[in-house]
C-alpha cells in the first residue's frame, strides 16, 4: 500500500504523520482516498510526507486539494512535511505551492 502512518504519529497528541511513497496518479487515487478517509476521524493534525512520490498528475493534486478542504472544514490542520521534486514542480505549475503550508512555516 502506498499510504502509511509514520512512526512519529501520536494519537494522544492528535498528530498523524502520513507517508505516501508511491505515485499519485489517476490509477491509484480512489484507493488512496479510501485509505485516507479511514484515518481522518482519529486525529486533529495531519502532516503529509510526499518525498517518495516520483509521479503525480492532476488527480493527485485534486486529492491534496480535497484533503486540505475537508480538514479545514473539520477545523483540523494540514501541512506538507516534505515533497518530492515532481510534487513541488506540479504545485508550482498550478500556482498552489503557497496554499500548502510546510512544516516550520506559519
N, C-alpha and C. Protein backbone atom coordinates (compact mmCIF):
# COMPACT_ATOMS: atom_id res chain seq x y z
N UNK A 1 0.84 -1.20 0.00
CA UNK A 1 0.00 0.00 0.00
C UNK A 1 0.87 1.24 0.00
N UNK A 2 0.43 2.22 -0.70
CA UNK A 2 1.18 3.45 -0.85
C UNK A 2 1.07 4.38 0.35
N UNK A 3 0.05 4.18 1.20
CA UNK A 3 -0.18 5.05 2.34
C UNK A 3 0.23 4.35 3.63
N UNK A 4 1.02 5.07 4.44
CA UNK A 4 1.47 4.53 5.72
C UNK A 4 1.33 5.61 6.78
N UNK A 5 1.07 5.18 8.00
CA UNK A 5 1.08 6.11 9.12
C UNK A 5 2.49 6.09 9.70
N UNK A 6 3.14 7.24 9.75
CA UNK A 6 4.51 7.34 10.22
C UNK A 6 4.65 7.02 11.69
N UNK A 7 5.84 6.58 12.07
CA UNK A 7 6.12 6.19 13.45
C UNK A 7 6.02 7.36 14.42
N UNK A 8 6.18 8.58 13.91
CA UNK A 8 6.11 9.74 14.80
C UNK A 8 4.68 10.24 15.00
N UNK A 9 3.68 9.50 14.50
CA UNK A 9 2.29 9.84 14.76
C UNK A 9 1.98 9.60 16.23
N UNK A 10 1.05 10.40 16.77
CA UNK A 10 0.73 10.28 18.19
C UNK A 10 -0.74 10.61 18.38
N UNK A 11 -1.56 9.58 18.57
CA UNK A 11 -3.00 9.80 18.75
C UNK A 11 -3.29 10.67 19.96
N UNK A 12 -2.54 10.48 21.04
CA UNK A 12 -2.77 11.26 22.25
C UNK A 12 -2.58 12.75 21.99
N UNK A 13 -1.64 13.09 21.13
CA UNK A 13 -1.38 14.49 20.78
C UNK A 13 -2.16 14.91 19.55
N UNK A 14 -2.87 13.98 18.92
CA UNK A 14 -3.70 14.29 17.76
C UNK A 14 -2.94 14.45 16.46
N UNK A 15 -1.68 14.02 16.43
CA UNK A 15 -0.85 14.20 15.24
C UNK A 15 -0.76 12.91 14.44
N UNK A 16 -1.05 13.02 13.16
CA UNK A 16 -0.91 11.89 12.24
C UNK A 16 0.07 12.29 11.14
N UNK A 17 1.15 11.55 11.06
CA UNK A 17 2.15 11.77 10.01
C UNK A 17 1.91 10.71 8.94
N UNK A 18 1.33 11.14 7.83
CA UNK A 18 1.04 10.22 6.72
C UNK A 18 2.18 10.23 5.73
N UNK A 19 2.53 9.06 5.23
CA UNK A 19 3.57 8.92 4.23
C UNK A 19 2.96 8.25 3.00
N UNK A 20 3.06 8.91 1.86
CA UNK A 20 2.65 8.29 0.60
C UNK A 20 3.94 8.10 -0.19
N UNK A 21 4.24 6.83 -0.48
CA UNK A 21 5.55 6.55 -1.09
C UNK A 21 5.43 5.88 -2.46
N UNK A 22 4.27 6.00 -3.08
CA UNK A 22 4.11 5.53 -4.46
C UNK A 22 3.51 6.68 -5.26
N UNK A 23 3.34 6.47 -6.54
CA UNK A 23 2.82 7.52 -7.40
C UNK A 23 1.42 7.94 -7.00
N UNK A 24 1.11 9.21 -7.26
CA UNK A 24 -0.22 9.76 -7.01
C UNK A 24 -0.84 10.10 -8.36
N UNK A 25 -1.32 9.08 -9.04
CA UNK A 25 -1.92 9.27 -10.35
C UNK A 25 -3.35 8.78 -10.34
N UNK A 26 -4.03 9.04 -11.40
CA UNK A 26 -5.44 8.67 -11.53
C UNK A 26 -5.67 7.18 -11.26
N UNK A 27 -4.66 6.37 -11.47
CA UNK A 27 -4.80 4.93 -11.31
C UNK A 27 -4.89 4.47 -9.86
N UNK A 28 -4.41 5.28 -8.93
CA UNK A 28 -4.40 4.87 -7.52
C UNK A 28 -5.16 5.83 -6.60
N UNK A 29 -5.68 6.90 -7.12
CA UNK A 29 -6.30 7.94 -6.29
C UNK A 29 -7.49 7.41 -5.51
N UNK A 30 -8.36 6.64 -6.13
CA UNK A 30 -9.53 6.13 -5.41
C UNK A 30 -9.12 5.31 -4.19
N UNK A 31 -8.12 4.46 -4.36
CA UNK A 31 -7.65 3.64 -3.24
C UNK A 31 -7.04 4.52 -2.15
N UNK A 32 -6.23 5.51 -2.54
CA UNK A 32 -5.64 6.42 -1.55
C UNK A 32 -6.73 7.17 -0.80
N UNK A 33 -7.71 7.65 -1.53
CA UNK A 33 -8.81 8.41 -0.91
C UNK A 33 -9.53 7.55 0.13
N UNK A 34 -9.81 6.31 -0.20
CA UNK A 34 -10.49 5.42 0.74
C UNK A 34 -9.64 5.18 2.00
N UNK A 35 -8.35 4.96 1.81
CA UNK A 35 -7.46 4.71 2.95
C UNK A 35 -7.34 5.95 3.84
N UNK A 36 -7.22 7.12 3.22
CA UNK A 36 -7.12 8.36 3.99
C UNK A 36 -8.41 8.61 4.76
N UNK A 37 -9.55 8.36 4.14
CA UNK A 37 -10.85 8.57 4.80
C UNK A 37 -10.98 7.78 6.09
N UNK A 38 -10.40 6.59 6.14
CA UNK A 38 -10.46 5.75 7.33
C UNK A 38 -9.68 6.34 8.50
N UNK A 39 -8.74 7.20 8.22
CA UNK A 39 -7.83 7.73 9.23
C UNK A 39 -8.28 9.09 9.78
N UNK A 40 -9.02 9.86 9.00
CA UNK A 40 -9.31 11.26 9.34
C UNK A 40 -9.94 11.48 10.70
N UNK A 41 -10.82 10.59 11.14
CA UNK A 41 -11.53 10.81 12.39
C UNK A 41 -10.68 10.69 13.64
N UNK A 42 -9.55 10.04 13.56
CA UNK A 42 -8.75 9.76 14.75
C UNK A 42 -7.72 10.80 15.13
N UNK A 43 -7.58 11.85 14.32
CA UNK A 43 -6.52 12.84 14.57
C UNK A 43 -7.03 14.26 14.31
N UNK A 44 -6.30 15.24 14.85
CA UNK A 44 -6.65 16.65 14.65
C UNK A 44 -5.65 17.38 13.76
N UNK A 45 -4.44 16.84 13.68
CA UNK A 45 -3.39 17.48 12.88
C UNK A 45 -2.79 16.44 11.95
N UNK A 46 -2.55 16.86 10.72
CA UNK A 46 -2.01 15.94 9.73
C UNK A 46 -0.80 16.56 9.06
N UNK A 47 0.25 15.77 8.97
CA UNK A 47 1.44 16.13 8.20
C UNK A 47 1.61 15.06 7.14
N UNK A 48 1.86 15.49 5.93
CA UNK A 48 1.94 14.57 4.81
C UNK A 48 3.33 14.58 4.20
N UNK A 49 3.94 13.42 4.15
CA UNK A 49 5.27 13.24 3.57
C UNK A 49 5.11 12.68 2.16
N UNK A 50 5.45 13.49 1.18
CA UNK A 50 5.36 13.08 -0.22
C UNK A 50 6.75 12.97 -0.85
N UNK A 51 7.75 12.72 -0.04
CA UNK A 51 9.13 12.67 -0.56
C UNK A 51 9.37 11.47 -1.47
N UNK A 52 8.54 10.43 -1.36
CA UNK A 52 8.73 9.24 -2.18
C UNK A 52 7.94 9.24 -3.48
N UNK A 53 7.26 10.32 -3.78
CA UNK A 53 6.44 10.40 -5.00
C UNK A 53 7.33 10.70 -6.20
N UNK A 54 7.30 9.80 -7.17
CA UNK A 54 8.05 10.03 -8.40
C UNK A 54 7.17 10.57 -9.51
N UNK A 55 5.87 10.24 -9.45
CA UNK A 55 4.94 10.72 -10.47
C UNK A 55 3.64 11.16 -9.81
N UNK A 56 3.18 12.34 -10.22
CA UNK A 56 1.92 12.88 -9.74
C UNK A 56 1.24 13.56 -10.91
N UNK A 57 -0.08 13.43 -10.98
CA UNK A 57 -0.81 14.09 -12.05
C UNK A 57 -1.91 14.96 -11.43
N UNK A 58 -2.79 15.49 -12.27
CA UNK A 58 -3.82 16.39 -11.76
C UNK A 58 -4.75 15.69 -10.76
N UNK A 59 -4.95 14.38 -10.89
CA UNK A 59 -5.76 13.65 -9.92
C UNK A 59 -5.10 13.68 -8.55
N UNK A 60 -3.79 13.58 -8.50
CA UNK A 60 -3.06 13.68 -7.23
C UNK A 60 -3.21 15.05 -6.61
N UNK A 61 -3.14 16.09 -7.43
CA UNK A 61 -3.33 17.46 -6.95
C UNK A 61 -4.75 17.63 -6.43
N UNK A 62 -5.72 17.09 -7.16
CA UNK A 62 -7.12 17.18 -6.72
C UNK A 62 -7.31 16.50 -5.37
N UNK A 63 -6.66 15.37 -5.15
CA UNK A 63 -6.75 14.69 -3.87
C UNK A 63 -6.17 15.57 -2.75
N UNK A 64 -5.05 16.19 -3.00
CA UNK A 64 -4.45 17.08 -2.00
C UNK A 64 -5.38 18.25 -1.68
N UNK A 65 -5.97 18.84 -2.72
CA UNK A 65 -6.89 19.95 -2.52
C UNK A 65 -8.14 19.51 -1.74
N UNK A 66 -8.68 18.36 -2.10
CA UNK A 66 -9.86 17.85 -1.41
C UNK A 66 -9.55 17.53 0.05
N UNK A 67 -8.39 16.94 0.30
CA UNK A 67 -7.98 16.61 1.66
C UNK A 67 -7.83 17.88 2.49
N UNK A 68 -7.16 18.86 1.95
CA UNK A 68 -6.97 20.12 2.69
C UNK A 68 -8.33 20.76 2.95
N UNK A 69 -9.21 20.78 1.94
CA UNK A 69 -10.53 21.38 2.11
C UNK A 69 -11.35 20.67 3.18
N UNK A 70 -11.34 19.35 3.16
CA UNK A 70 -12.08 18.56 4.14
C UNK A 70 -11.56 18.82 5.55
N UNK A 71 -10.25 18.86 5.70
CA UNK A 71 -9.67 19.08 7.01
C UNK A 71 -9.93 20.50 7.51
N UNK A 72 -9.90 21.48 6.61
CA UNK A 72 -10.23 22.84 7.01
C UNK A 72 -11.68 22.91 7.48
N UNK A 73 -12.57 22.23 6.78
CA UNK A 73 -13.97 22.21 7.15
C UNK A 73 -14.16 21.59 8.54
N UNK A 74 -13.36 20.61 8.86
CA UNK A 74 -13.42 19.95 10.17
C UNK A 74 -12.57 20.66 11.22
N UNK A 75 -12.02 21.80 10.86
CA UNK A 75 -11.15 22.60 11.73
C UNK A 75 -9.94 21.81 12.21
N UNK A 76 -9.36 21.08 11.30
CA UNK A 76 -8.14 20.32 11.56
C UNK A 76 -7.02 20.92 10.72
N UNK A 77 -5.79 20.73 11.14
CA UNK A 77 -4.67 21.31 10.41
C UNK A 77 -4.05 20.29 9.45
N UNK A 78 -3.44 20.83 8.41
CA UNK A 78 -2.83 20.00 7.37
C UNK A 78 -1.60 20.72 6.84
N UNK A 79 -0.48 20.01 6.84
CA UNK A 79 0.76 20.56 6.29
C UNK A 79 1.48 19.49 5.48
N UNK A 80 2.20 19.93 4.48
CA UNK A 80 3.13 19.03 3.79
C UNK A 80 4.43 19.09 4.57
N UNK A 81 4.89 17.96 5.05
CA UNK A 81 6.15 17.97 5.79
C UNK A 81 7.33 17.95 4.83
N UNK A 82 7.17 17.27 3.71
CA UNK A 82 8.21 17.22 2.69
C UNK A 82 7.57 16.75 1.40
N UNK A 83 8.05 17.29 0.29
CA UNK A 83 7.51 16.91 -1.02
C UNK A 83 8.67 16.67 -1.99
N UNK A 84 8.48 15.70 -2.85
CA UNK A 84 9.50 15.40 -3.86
C UNK A 84 9.52 16.51 -4.92
N UNK A 85 10.54 16.49 -5.74
CA UNK A 85 10.67 17.47 -6.81
C UNK A 85 9.48 17.44 -7.77
N UNK A 86 8.98 16.26 -8.20
CA UNK A 86 7.80 16.26 -9.08
C UNK A 86 6.57 16.89 -8.42
N UNK A 87 6.39 16.67 -7.14
CA UNK A 87 5.25 17.26 -6.43
C UNK A 87 5.41 18.77 -6.38
N UNK A 88 6.58 19.23 -5.95
CA UNK A 88 6.85 20.67 -5.88
C UNK A 88 6.66 21.33 -7.25
N UNK A 89 7.14 20.68 -8.29
CA UNK A 89 7.03 21.22 -9.64
C UNK A 89 5.58 21.37 -10.08
N UNK A 90 4.77 20.35 -9.83
CA UNK A 90 3.37 20.42 -10.24
C UNK A 90 2.60 21.43 -9.40
N UNK A 91 2.89 21.52 -8.11
CA UNK A 91 2.26 22.54 -7.28
C UNK A 91 2.61 23.94 -7.79
N UNK A 92 3.86 24.14 -8.19
CA UNK A 92 4.28 25.42 -8.77
C UNK A 92 3.55 25.69 -10.08
N UNK A 93 3.45 24.66 -10.93
CA UNK A 93 2.77 24.80 -12.22
C UNK A 93 1.33 25.27 -12.04
N UNK A 94 0.65 24.71 -11.06
CA UNK A 94 -0.74 25.07 -10.80
C UNK A 94 -0.87 26.30 -9.90
N UNK A 95 0.24 26.87 -9.46
CA UNK A 95 0.19 28.05 -8.59
C UNK A 95 -0.31 27.75 -7.19
N UNK A 96 -0.05 26.54 -6.71
CA UNK A 96 -0.58 26.10 -5.42
C UNK A 96 0.49 25.94 -4.33
N UNK A 97 1.72 26.20 -4.65
CA UNK A 97 2.80 25.95 -3.69
C UNK A 97 2.57 26.68 -2.37
N UNK A 98 2.10 27.91 -2.43
CA UNK A 98 1.89 28.69 -1.21
C UNK A 98 0.64 28.27 -0.45
N UNK A 99 -0.26 27.54 -1.10
CA UNK A 99 -1.52 27.14 -0.48
C UNK A 99 -1.32 26.00 0.51
N UNK A 100 -0.24 25.25 0.32
CA UNK A 100 0.05 24.13 1.20
C UNK A 100 1.16 24.51 2.15
N UNK A 101 0.78 24.71 3.43
CA UNK A 101 1.77 25.04 4.46
C UNK A 101 2.77 23.90 4.58
N UNK A 102 3.99 24.27 4.83
CA UNK A 102 5.01 23.26 5.08
C UNK A 102 5.41 23.32 6.54
N UNK A 103 5.93 22.22 7.06
CA UNK A 103 6.36 22.18 8.45
C UNK A 103 7.37 23.30 8.68
N UNK A 104 7.20 24.00 9.77
CA UNK A 104 8.11 25.09 10.10
C UNK A 104 7.61 26.43 9.58
N UNK A 105 6.62 26.42 8.69
CA UNK A 105 6.04 27.67 8.22
C UNK A 105 4.79 27.95 9.02
N UNK A 106 4.40 29.20 9.12
CA UNK A 106 3.17 29.51 9.85
C UNK A 106 2.04 29.85 8.92
